[in-house]
Amino acid sequence: DWCGPCRMVGPVVEEIANEYPEYKICKINVDEQPELA
């Protein structure tokens, strides 16, 4: 949440999720999920 470039990518990722149902779009917060990161 604190990452500036991440906040720039966020709306783009949302757009792709809404416009391209053939793909699954997922987000992982590195602060909340350090093991996955």
PDB file of all heavy atoms in Angstrom:
ATOM      1  N   ASP A   1       0.813  -1.222   0.000  1.00  0.00           N
ATOM      2  CA  ASP A   1       0.000   0.000   0.000  1.00  0.00           C
ATOM      3  C   ASP A   1       0.844   1.270   0.000  1.00  0.00           C
ATOM      4  O   ASP A   1       0.431   2.282  -0.539  1.00  0.00           O
ATOM      5  CB  ASP A   1      -0.941   0.010   1.211  1.00  0.00           C
ATOM      6  CG  ASP A   1      -1.997  -1.087   1.110  1.00  0.00           C
ATOM      7  OD1 ASP A   1      -2.376  -1.462  -0.018  1.00  0.00           O
ATOM      8  OD2 ASP A   1      -2.429  -1.570   2.173  1.00  0.00           O
ATOM      9  N   TRP A   2       2.038   1.217   0.578  1.00  0.00           N
ATOM     10  CA  TRP A   2       2.886   2.402   0.702  1.00  0.00           C
ATOM     11  C   TRP A   2       3.741   2.666  -0.541  1.00  0.00           C
ATOM     12  O   TRP A   2       4.438   3.665  -0.636  1.00  0.00           O
ATOM     13  CB  TRP A   2       3.801   2.261   1.922  1.00  0.00           C
ATOM     14  CG  TRP A   2       4.519   0.942   1.978  1.00  0.00           C
ATOM     15  CD1 TRP A   2       4.142  -0.165   2.690  1.00  0.00           C
ATOM     16  CD2 TRP A   2       5.704   0.562   1.267  1.00  0.00           C
ATOM     17  NE1 TRP A   2       5.017  -1.199   2.476  1.00  0.00           N
ATOM     18  CE2 TRP A   2       6.001  -0.786   1.600  1.00  0.00           C
ATOM     19  CE3 TRP A   2       6.563   1.212   0.384  1.00  0.00           C
ATOM     20  CZ2 TRP A   2       7.093  -1.469   1.086  1.00  0.00           C
ATOM     21  CZ3 TRP A   2       7.648   0.521  -0.126  1.00  0.00           C
ATOM     22  CH2 TRP A   2       7.903  -0.798   0.225  1.00  0.00           C
ATOM     23  N   CYS A   3       3.708   1.772  -1.508  1.00  0.00           N
ATOM     24  CA  CYS A   3       4.587   1.831  -2.692  1.00  0.00           C
ATOM     25  C   CYS A   3       3.965   2.699  -3.789  1.00  0.00           C
ATOM     26  O   CYS A   3       2.898   2.373  -4.317  1.00  0.00           O
ATOM     27  CB  CYS A   3       4.804   0.396  -3.176  1.00  0.00           C
ATOM     28  SG  CYS A   3       5.484   0.229  -4.816  1.00  0.00           S
ATOM     29  N   GLY A   4       4.646   3.793  -4.140  1.00  0.00           N
ATOM     30  CA  GLY A   4       4.156   4.707  -5.174  1.00  0.00           C
ATOM     31  C   GLY A   4       3.951   4.037  -6.526  1.00  0.00           C
ATOM     32  O   GLY A   4       2.863   4.132  -7.113  1.00  0.00           O
ATOM     33  N   PRO A   5       4.968   3.360  -7.078  1.00  0.00           N
ATOM     34  CA  PRO A   5       4.778   2.687  -8.365  1.00  0.00           C
ATOM     35  C   PRO A   5       3.662   1.632  -8.326  1.00  0.00           C
ATOM     36  O   PRO A   5       2.949   1.444  -9.304  1.00  0.00           O
ATOM     37  CB  PRO A   5       6.141   2.043  -8.640  1.00  0.00           C
ATOM     38  CG  PRO A   5       7.117   2.907  -7.898  1.00  0.00           C
ATOM     39  CD  PRO A   5       6.381   3.339  -6.654  1.00  0.00           C
ATOM     40  N   CYS A   6       3.491   0.984  -7.166  1.00  0.00           N
ATOM     41  CA  CYS A   6       2.414  -0.001  -7.023  1.00  0.00           C
ATOM     42  C   CYS A   6       1.049   0.684  -7.162  1.00  0.00           C
ATOM     43  O   CYS A   6       0.128   0.132  -7.772  1.00  0.00           O
ATOM     44  CB  CYS A   6       2.478  -0.693  -5.665  1.00  0.00           C
ATOM     45  SG  CYS A   6       3.991  -1.616  -5.370  1.00  0.00           S
ATOM     46  N   ARG A   7       0.941   1.883  -6.597  1.00  0.00           N
ATOM     47  CA  ARG A   7      -0.324   2.618  -6.691  1.00  0.00           C
ATOM     48  C   ARG A   7      -0.599   3.054  -8.129  1.00  0.00           C
ATOM     49  O   ARG A   7      -1.751   3.226  -8.512  1.00  0.00           O
ATOM     50  CB  ARG A   7      -0.316   3.813  -5.743  1.00  0.00           C
ATOM     51  CG  ARG A   7      -0.444   3.393  -4.281  1.00  0.00           C
ATOM     52  CD  ARG A   7      -0.851   4.532  -3.371  1.00  0.00           C
ATOM     53  NE  ARG A   7       0.091   5.636  -3.365  1.00  0.00           N
ATOM     54  CZ  ARG A   7       1.077   5.787  -2.493  1.00  0.00           C
ATOM     55  NH1 ARG A   7       1.269   4.886  -1.558  1.00  0.00           N
ATOM     56  NH2 ARG A   7       1.865   6.825  -2.557  1.00  0.00           N
ATOM     57  N   MET A   8       0.451   3.228  -8.927  1.00  0.00           N
ATOM     58  CA  MET A   8       0.265   3.561 -10.338  1.00  0.00           C
ATOM     59  C   MET A   8      -0.219   2.336 -11.121  1.00  0.00           C
ATOM     60  O   MET A   8      -1.040   2.460 -12.019  1.00  0.00           O
ATOM     61  CB  MET A   8       1.582   4.069 -10.952  1.00  0.00           C
ATOM     62  CG  MET A   8       1.988   5.434 -10.439  1.00  0.00           C
ATOM     63  SD  MET A   8       3.670   5.955 -10.883  1.00  0.00           S
ATOM     64  CE  MET A   8       3.971   5.264 -12.462  1.00  0.00           C
ATOM     65  N   VAL A   9       0.282   1.164 -10.781  1.00  0.00           N
ATOM     66  CA  VAL A   9      -0.073  -0.072 -11.485  1.00  0.00           C
ATOM     67  C   VAL A   9      -1.468  -0.553 -11.076  1.00  0.00           C
ATOM     68  O   VAL A   9      -2.182  -1.146 -11.884  1.00  0.00           O
ATOM     69  CB  VAL A   9       0.981  -1.172 -11.217  1.00  0.00           C
ATOM     70  CG1 VAL A   9       0.530  -2.523 -11.737  1.00  0.00           C
ATOM     71  CG2 VAL A   9       2.309  -0.787 -11.838  1.00  0.00           C
ATOM     72  N   GLY A  10      -1.874  -0.282  -9.847  1.00  0.00           N
ATOM     73  CA  GLY A  10      -3.147  -0.781  -9.322  1.00  0.00           C
ATOM     74  C   GLY A  10      -4.349  -0.561 -10.233  1.00  0.00           C
ATOM     75  O   GLY A  10      -5.061  -1.519 -10.567  1.00  0.00           O
ATOM     76  N   PRO A  11      -4.603   0.689 -10.666  1.00  0.00           N
ATOM     77  CA  PRO A  11      -5.763   0.925 -11.541  1.00  0.00           C
ATOM     78  C   PRO A  11      -5.652   0.207 -12.891  1.00  0.00           C
ATOM     79  O   PRO A  11      -6.665  -0.218 -13.451  1.00  0.00           O
ATOM     80  CB  PRO A  11      -5.765   2.444 -11.736  1.00  0.00           C
ATOM     81  CG  PRO A  11      -4.969   2.992 -10.600  1.00  0.00           C
ATOM     82  CD  PRO A  11      -3.971   1.935 -10.242  1.00  0.00           C
ATOM     83  N   VAL A  12      -4.452   0.057 -13.393  1.00  0.00           N
ATOM     84  CA  VAL A  12      -4.235  -0.643 -14.663  1.00  0.00           C
ATOM     85  C   VAL A  12      -4.598  -2.121 -14.501  1.00  0.00           C
ATOM     86  O   VAL A  12      -5.272  -2.714 -15.356  1.00  0.00           O
ATOM     87  CB  VAL A  12      -2.766  -0.482 -15.128  1.00  0.00           C
ATOM     88  CG1 VAL A  12      -2.492  -1.302 -16.375  1.00  0.00           C
ATOM     89  CG2 VAL A  12      -2.438   0.982 -15.362  1.00  0.00           C
ATOM     90  N   VAL A  13      -4.175  -2.709 -13.392  1.00  0.00           N
ATOM     91  CA  VAL A  13      -4.485  -4.109 -13.097  1.00  0.00           C
ATOM     92  C   VAL A  13      -6.004  -4.282 -12.972  1.00  0.00           C
ATOM     93  O   VAL A  13      -6.574  -5.243 -13.492  1.00  0.00           O
ATOM     94  CB  VAL A  13      -3.732  -4.559 -11.825  1.00  0.00           C
ATOM     95  CG1 VAL A  13      -4.216  -5.905 -11.336  1.00  0.00           C
ATOM     96  CG2 VAL A  13      -2.232  -4.589 -12.088  1.00  0.00           C
ATOM     97  N   GLU A  14      -6.665  -3.332 -12.318  1.00  0.00           N
ATOM     98  CA  GLU A  14      -8.133  -3.372 -12.179  1.00  0.00           C
ATOM     99  C   GLU A  14      -8.804  -3.331 -13.553  1.00  0.00           C
ATOM    100  O   GLU A  14      -9.754  -4.079 -13.808  1.00  0.00           O
ATOM    101  CB  GLU A  14      -8.627  -2.181 -11.342  1.00  0.00           C
ATOM    102  CG  GLU A  14      -8.221  -2.217  -9.894  1.00  0.00           C
ATOM    103  CD  GLU A  14      -9.136  -3.064  -9.029  1.00  0.00           C
ATOM    104  OE1 GLU A  14     -10.233  -3.438  -9.489  1.00  0.00           O
ATOM    105  OE2 GLU A  14      -8.739  -3.358  -7.894  1.00  0.00           O
ATOM    106  N   GLU A  15      -8.330  -2.443 -14.429  1.00  0.00           N
ATOM    107  CA  GLU A  15      -8.892  -2.332 -15.779  1.00  0.00           C
ATOM    108  C   GLU A  15      -8.789  -3.656 -16.525  1.00  0.00           C
ATOM    109  O   GLU A  15      -9.746  -4.104 -17.160  1.00  0.00           O
ATOM    110  CB  GLU A  15      -8.131  -1.275 -16.595  1.00  0.00           C
ATOM    111  CG  GLU A  15      -8.634   0.126 -16.450  1.00  0.00           C
ATOM    112  CD  GLU A  15      -7.859   1.084 -17.350  1.00  0.00           C
ATOM    113  OE1 GLU A  15      -7.606   0.746 -18.532  1.00  0.00           O
ATOM    114  OE2 GLU A  15      -7.511   2.166 -16.859  1.00  0.00           O
ATOM    115  N   ILE A  16      -7.615  -4.270 -16.465  1.00  0.00           N
ATOM    116  CA  ILE A  16      -7.416  -5.543 -17.163  1.00  0.00           C
ATOM    117  C   ILE A  16      -8.362  -6.599 -16.597  1.00  0.00           C
ATOM    118  O   ILE A  16      -8.973  -7.361 -17.351  1.00  0.00           O
ATOM    119  CB  ILE A  16      -5.939  -5.990 -17.078  1.00  0.00           C
ATOM    120  CG1 ILE A  16      -5.060  -5.024 -17.894  1.00  0.00           C
ATOM    121  CG2 ILE A  16      -5.776  -7.424 -17.585  1.00  0.00           C
ATOM    122  CD1 ILE A  16      -3.568  -5.224 -17.716  1.00  0.00           C
ATOM    123  N   ALA A  17      -8.520  -6.624 -15.288  1.00  0.00           N
ATOM    124  CA  ALA A  17      -9.429  -7.596 -14.652  1.00  0.00           C
ATOM    125  C   ALA A  17     -10.857  -7.416 -15.152  1.00  0.00           C
ATOM    126  O   ALA A  17     -11.566  -8.400 -15.396  1.00  0.00           O
ATOM    127  CB  ALA A  17      -9.370  -7.455 -13.134  1.00  0.00           C
ATOM    128  N   ASN A  18     -11.283  -6.167 -15.319  1.00  0.00           N
ATOM    129  CA  ASN A  18     -12.652  -5.886 -15.746  1.00  0.00           C
ATOM    130  C   ASN A  18     -12.864  -6.109 -17.243  1.00  0.00           C
ATOM    131  O   ASN A  18     -13.965  -6.455 -17.662  1.00  0.00           O
ATOM    132  CB  ASN A  18     -13.039  -4.455 -15.373  1.00  0.00           C
ATOM    133  CG  ASN A  18     -13.154  -4.278 -13.878  1.00  0.00           C
ATOM    134  OD1 ASN A  18     -13.532  -5.189 -13.156  1.00  0.00           O
ATOM    135  ND2 ASN A  18     -12.819  -3.097 -13.398  1.00  0.00           N
ATOM    136  N   GLU A  19     -11.822  -5.909 -18.050  1.00  0.00           N
ATOM    137  CA  GLU A  19     -11.974  -5.947 -19.504  1.00  0.00           C
ATOM    138  C   GLU A  19     -11.583  -7.278 -20.140  1.00  0.00           C
ATOM    139  O   GLU A  19     -11.937  -7.541 -21.287  1.00  0.00           O
ATOM    140  CB  GLU A  19     -11.136  -4.829 -20.139  1.00  0.00           C
ATOM    141  CG  GLU A  19     -11.623  -3.443 -19.771  1.00  0.00           C
ATOM    142  CD  GLU A  19     -10.681  -2.342 -20.243  1.00  0.00           C
ATOM    143  OE1 GLU A  19      -9.797  -2.609 -21.084  1.00  0.00           O
ATOM    144  OE2 GLU A  19     -10.838  -1.196 -19.762  1.00  0.00           O
ATOM    145  N   TYR A  20     -10.831  -8.107 -19.437  1.00  0.00           N
ATOM    146  CA  TYR A  20     -10.322  -9.358 -20.021  1.00  0.00           C
ATOM    147  C   TYR A  20     -10.645 -10.546 -19.118  1.00  0.00           C
ATOM    148  O   TYR A  20      -9.785 -11.036 -18.387  1.00  0.00           O
ATOM    149  CB  TYR A  20      -8.801  -9.252 -20.246  1.00  0.00           C
ATOM    150  CG  TYR A  20      -8.435  -8.207 -21.268  1.00  0.00           C
ATOM    151  CD1 TYR A  20      -8.234  -6.884 -20.888  1.00  0.00           C
ATOM    152  CD2 TYR A  20      -8.303  -8.548 -22.617  1.00  0.00           C
ATOM    153  CE1 TYR A  20      -7.916  -5.917 -21.830  1.00  0.00           C
ATOM    154  CE2 TYR A  20      -7.974  -7.583 -23.561  1.00  0.00           C
ATOM    155  CZ  TYR A  20      -7.788  -6.273 -23.161  1.00  0.00           C
ATOM    156  OH  TYR A  20      -7.470  -5.318 -24.094  1.00  0.00           O
ATOM    157  N   PRO A  21     -11.885 -11.048 -19.202  1.00  0.00           N
ATOM    158  CA  PRO A  21     -12.283 -12.155 -18.326  1.00  0.00           C
ATOM    159  C   PRO A  21     -11.551 -13.465 -18.621  1.00  0.00           C
ATOM    160  O   PRO A  21     -11.618 -14.402 -17.823  1.00  0.00           O
ATOM    161  CB  PRO A  21     -13.786 -12.291 -18.589  1.00  0.00           C
ATOM    162  CG  PRO A  21     -13.992 -11.683 -19.939  1.00  0.00           C
ATOM    163  CD  PRO A  21     -12.960 -10.603 -20.076  1.00  0.00           C
ATOM    164  N   GLU A  22     -10.844 -13.528 -19.740  1.00  0.00           N
ATOM    165  CA  GLU A  22     -10.116 -14.756 -20.051  1.00  0.00           C
ATOM    166  C   GLU A  22      -8.877 -14.933 -19.178  1.00  0.00           C
ATOM    167  O   GLU A  22      -8.257 -15.997 -19.179  1.00  0.00           O
ATOM    168  CB  GLU A  22      -9.725 -14.808 -21.541  1.00  0.00           C
ATOM    169  CG  GLU A  22      -8.766 -13.726 -21.993  1.00  0.00           C
ATOM    170  CD  GLU A  22      -9.428 -12.461 -22.552  1.00  0.00           C
ATOM    171  OE1 GLU A  22     -10.529 -12.111 -22.083  1.00  0.00           O
ATOM    172  OE2 GLU A  22      -8.835 -11.837 -23.434  1.00  0.00           O
ATOM    173  N   TYR A  23      -8.501 -13.881 -18.441  1.00  0.00           N
ATOM    174  CA  TYR A  23      -7.363 -13.951 -17.526  1.00  0.00           C
ATOM    175  C   TYR A  23      -7.855 -13.821 -16.090  1.00  0.00           C
ATOM    176  O   TYR A  23      -8.870 -13.184 -15.821  1.00  0.00           O
ATOM    177  CB  TYR A  23      -6.366 -12.820 -17.793  1.00  0.00           C
ATOM    178  CG  TYR A  23      -5.843 -12.781 -19.203  1.00  0.00           C
ATOM    179  CD1 TYR A  23      -6.022 -11.657 -19.998  1.00  0.00           C
ATOM    180  CD2 TYR A  23      -5.165 -13.866 -19.755  1.00  0.00           C
ATOM    181  CE1 TYR A  23      -5.552 -11.614 -21.302  1.00  0.00           C
ATOM    182  CE2 TYR A  23      -4.689 -13.835 -21.055  1.00  0.00           C
ATOM    183  CZ  TYR A  23      -4.885 -12.704 -21.825  1.00  0.00           C
ATOM    184  OH  TYR A  23      -4.420 -12.664 -23.112  1.00  0.00           O
ATOM    185  N   LYS A  24      -7.108 -14.401 -15.169  1.00  0.00           N
ATOM    186  CA  LYS A  24      -7.384 -14.211 -13.748  1.00  0.00           C
ATOM    187  C   LYS A  24      -6.337 -13.233 -13.228  1.00  0.00           C
ATOM    188  O   LYS A  24      -5.143 -13.410 -13.452  1.00  0.00           O
ATOM    189  CB  LYS A  24      -7.274 -15.539 -13.007  1.00  0.00           C
ATOM    190  CG  LYS A  24      -7.680 -15.430 -11.544  1.00  0.00           C
ATOM    191  CD  LYS A  24      -7.588 -16.766 -10.847  1.00  0.00           C
ATOM    192  CE  LYS A  24      -8.811 -17.594 -11.117  1.00  0.00           C
ATOM    193  NZ  LYS A  24      -8.864 -18.803 -10.250  1.00  0.00           N
ATOM    194  N   ILE A  25      -6.796 -12.182 -12.566  1.00  0.00           N
ATOM    195  CA  ILE A  25      -5.911 -11.124 -12.085  1.00  0.00           C
ATOM    196  C   ILE A  25      -5.905 -11.160 -10.560  1.00  0.00           C
ATOM    197  O   ILE A  25      -6.954 -11.075  -9.925  1.00  0.00           O
ATOM    198  CB  ILE A  25      -6.370  -9.737 -12.590  1.00  0.00           C
ATOM    199  CG1 ILE A  25      -6.631  -9.747 -14.111  1.00  0.00           C
ATOM    200  CG2 ILE A  25      -5.366  -8.669 -12.196  1.00  0.00           C
ATOM    201  CD1 ILE A  25      -5.446 -10.123 -14.976  1.00  0.00           C
ATOM    202  N   CYS A  26      -4.698 -11.275  -9.993  1.00  0.00           N
ATOM    203  CA  CYS A  26      -4.559 -11.431  -8.549  1.00  0.00           C
ATOM    204  C   CYS A  26      -3.541 -10.436  -7.997  1.00  0.00           C
ATOM    205  O   CYS A  26      -2.593 -10.060  -8.689  1.00  0.00           O
ATOM    206  CB  CYS A  26      -4.076 -12.839  -8.220  1.00  0.00           C
ATOM    207  SG  CYS A  26      -5.159 -14.144  -8.826  1.00  0.00           S
ATOM    208  N   LYS A  27      -3.757 -10.047  -6.752  1.00  0.00           N
ATOM    209  CA  LYS A  27      -2.820  -9.163  -6.062  1.00  0.00           C
ATOM    210  C   LYS A  27      -2.399  -9.809  -4.747  1.00  0.00           C
ATOM    211  O   LYS A  27      -3.218 -10.418  -4.074  1.00  0.00           O
ATOM    212  CB  LYS A  27      -3.474  -7.805  -5.768  1.00  0.00           C
ATOM    213  CG  LYS A  27      -3.752  -6.998  -7.021  1.00  0.00           C
ATOM    214  CD  LYS A  27      -4.405  -5.669  -6.698  1.00  0.00           C
ATOM    215  CE  LYS A  27      -3.445  -4.711  -6.110  1.00  0.00           C
ATOM    216  NZ  LYS A  27      -2.928  -3.671  -6.968  1.00  0.00           N
ATOM    217  N   ILE A  28      -1.109  -9.646  -4.436  1.00  0.00           N
ATOM    218  CA  ILE A  28      -0.586 -10.161  -3.173  1.00  0.00           C
ATOM    219  C   ILE A  28       0.126  -9.022  -2.465  1.00  0.00           C
ATOM    220  O   ILE A  28       1.088  -8.459  -2.995  1.00  0.00           O
ATOM    221  CB  ILE A  28       0.391 -11.336  -3.396  1.00  0.00           C
ATOM    222  CG1 ILE A  28      -0.326 -12.493  -4.094  1.00  0.00           C
ATOM    223  CG2 ILE A  28       0.998 -11.783  -2.062  1.00  0.00           C
ATOM    224  CD1 ILE A  28       0.567 -13.670  -4.440  1.00  0.00           C
ATOM    225  N   ASN A  29      -0.344  -8.688  -1.276  1.00  0.00           N
ATOM    226  CA  ASN A  29       0.279  -7.646  -0.466  1.00  0.00           C
ATOM    227  C   ASN A  29       1.496  -8.252   0.227  1.00  0.00           C
ATOM    228  O   ASN A  29       1.364  -9.166   1.043  1.00  0.00           O
ATOM    229  CB  ASN A  29      -0.728  -7.106   0.549  1.00  0.00           C
ATOM    230  CG  ASN A  29      -0.197  -5.936   1.335  1.00  0.00           C
ATOM    231  OD1 ASN A  29       0.949  -5.931   1.780  1.00  0.00           O
ATOM    232  ND2 ASN A  29      -1.039  -4.943   1.520  1.00  0.00           N
ATOM    233  N   VAL A  30       2.689  -7.740  -0.113  1.00  0.00           N
ATOM    234  CA  VAL A  30       3.927  -8.336   0.419  1.00  0.00           C
ATOM    235  C   VAL A  30       4.054  -8.149   1.926  1.00  0.00           C
ATOM    236  O   VAL A  30       4.706  -8.956   2.596  1.00  0.00           O
ATOM    237  CB  VAL A  30       5.187  -7.786  -0.298  1.00  0.00           C
ATOM    238  CG1 VAL A  30       5.167  -8.176  -1.766  1.00  0.00           C
ATOM    239  CG2 VAL A  30       5.326  -6.286  -0.143  1.00  0.00           C
ATOM    240  N   ASP A  31       3.443  -7.102   2.472  1.00  0.00           N
ATOM    241  CA  ASP A  31       3.504  -6.882   3.921  1.00  0.00           C
ATOM    242  C   ASP A  31       2.634  -7.884   4.672  1.00  0.00           C
ATOM    243  O   ASP A  31       2.959  -8.295   5.778  1.00  0.00           O
ATOM    244  CB  ASP A  31       3.069  -5.460   4.279  1.00  0.00           C
ATOM    245  CG  ASP A  31       4.068  -4.414   3.800  1.00  0.00           C
ATOM    246  OD1 ASP A  31       5.273  -4.743   3.697  1.00  0.00           O
ATOM    247  OD2 ASP A  31       3.646  -3.286   3.512  1.00  0.00           O
ATOM    248  N   GLU A  32       1.518  -8.286   4.056  1.00  0.00           N
ATOM    249  CA  GLU A  32       0.597  -9.231   4.692  1.00  0.00           C
ATOM    250  C   GLU A  32       0.934 -10.689   4.390  1.00  0.00           C
ATOM    251  O   GLU A  32       0.542 -11.585   5.136  1.00  0.00           O
ATOM    252  CB  GLU A  32      -0.841  -8.940   4.226  1.00  0.00           C
ATOM    253  CG  GLU A  32      -1.345  -7.580   4.654  1.00  0.00           C
ATOM    254  CD  GLU A  32      -2.683  -7.227   4.018  1.00  0.00           C
ATOM    255  OE1 GLU A  32      -3.248  -8.050   3.265  1.00  0.00           O
ATOM    256  OE2 GLU A  32      -3.164  -6.111   4.279  1.00  0.00           O
ATOM    257  N   GLN A  33       1.648 -10.922   3.278  1.00  0.00           N
ATOM    258  CA  GLN A  33       1.956 -12.286   2.840  1.00  0.00           C
ATOM    259  C   GLN A  33       3.461 -12.442   2.557  1.00  0.00           C
ATOM    260  O   GLN A  33       3.865 -12.757   1.427  1.00  0.00           O
ATOM    261  CB  GLN A  33       1.150 -12.628   1.571  1.00  0.00           C
ATOM    262  CG  GLN A  33      -0.342 -12.476   1.710  1.00  0.00           C
ATOM    263  CD  GLN A  33      -0.949 -13.398   2.741  1.00  0.00           C
ATOM    264  OE1 GLN A  33      -0.535 -14.544   2.915  1.00  0.00           O
ATOM    265  NE2 GLN A  33      -1.935 -12.900   3.466  1.00  0.00           N
ATOM    266  N   PRO A  34       4.300 -12.221   3.564  1.00  0.00           N
ATOM    267  CA  PRO A  34       5.752 -12.277   3.311  1.00  0.00           C
ATOM    268  C   PRO A  34       6.247 -13.644   2.841  1.00  0.00           C
ATOM    269  O   PRO A  34       7.215 -13.731   2.084  1.00  0.00           O
ATOM    270  CB  PRO A  34       6.369 -11.892   4.659  1.00  0.00           C
ATOM    271  CG  PRO A  34       5.311 -12.167   5.672  1.00  0.00           C
ATOM    272  CD  PRO A  34       4.002 -11.937   4.972  1.00  0.00           C
ATOM    273  N   GLU A  35       5.562 -14.726   3.259  1.00  0.00           N
ATOM    274  CA  GLU A  35       5.993 -16.060   2.836  1.00  0.00           C
ATOM    275  C   GLU A  35       5.808 -16.246   1.332  1.00  0.00           C
ATOM    276  O   GLU A  35       6.656 -16.838   0.659  1.00  0.00           O
ATOM    277  CB  GLU A  35       5.212 -17.163   3.585  1.00  0.00           C
ATOM    278  CG  GLU A  35       5.400 -17.140   5.083  1.00  0.00           C
ATOM    279  CD  GLU A  35       4.361 -16.255   5.781  1.00  0.00           C
ATOM    280  OE1 GLU A  35       3.562 -15.560   5.094  1.00  0.00           O
ATOM    281  OE2 GLU A  35       4.347 -16.255   7.014  1.00  0.00           O
ATOM    282  N   LEU A  36       4.686 -15.746   0.797  1.00  0.00           N
ATOM    283  CA  LEU A  36       4.449 -15.852  -0.647  1.00  0.00           C
ATOM    284  C   LEU A  36       5.462 -15.002  -1.410  1.00  0.00           C
ATOM    285  O   LEU A  36       5.998 -15.440  -2.431  1.00  0.00           O
ATOM    286  CB  LEU A  36       3.023 -15.428  -1.002  1.00  0.00           C
ATOM    287  CG  LEU A  36       1.917 -16.405  -0.622  1.00  0.00           C
ATOM    288  CD1 LEU A  36       0.552 -15.809  -0.934  1.00  0.00           C
ATOM    289  CD2 LEU A  36       2.090 -17.738  -1.327  1.00  0.00           C
ATOM    290  N   ALA A  37       5.723 -13.797  -0.909  1.00  0.00           N
ATOM    291  CA  ALA A  37       6.715 -12.929  -1.566  1.00  0.00           C
ATOM    292  C   ALA A  37       8.081 -13.615  -1.571  1.00  0.00           C
ATOM    293  O   ALA A  37       8.788 -13.615  -2.590  1.00  0.00           O
ATOM    294  CB  ALA A  37       6.786 -11.581  -0.869  1.00  0.00           C
TER     295      ALA A  37
END
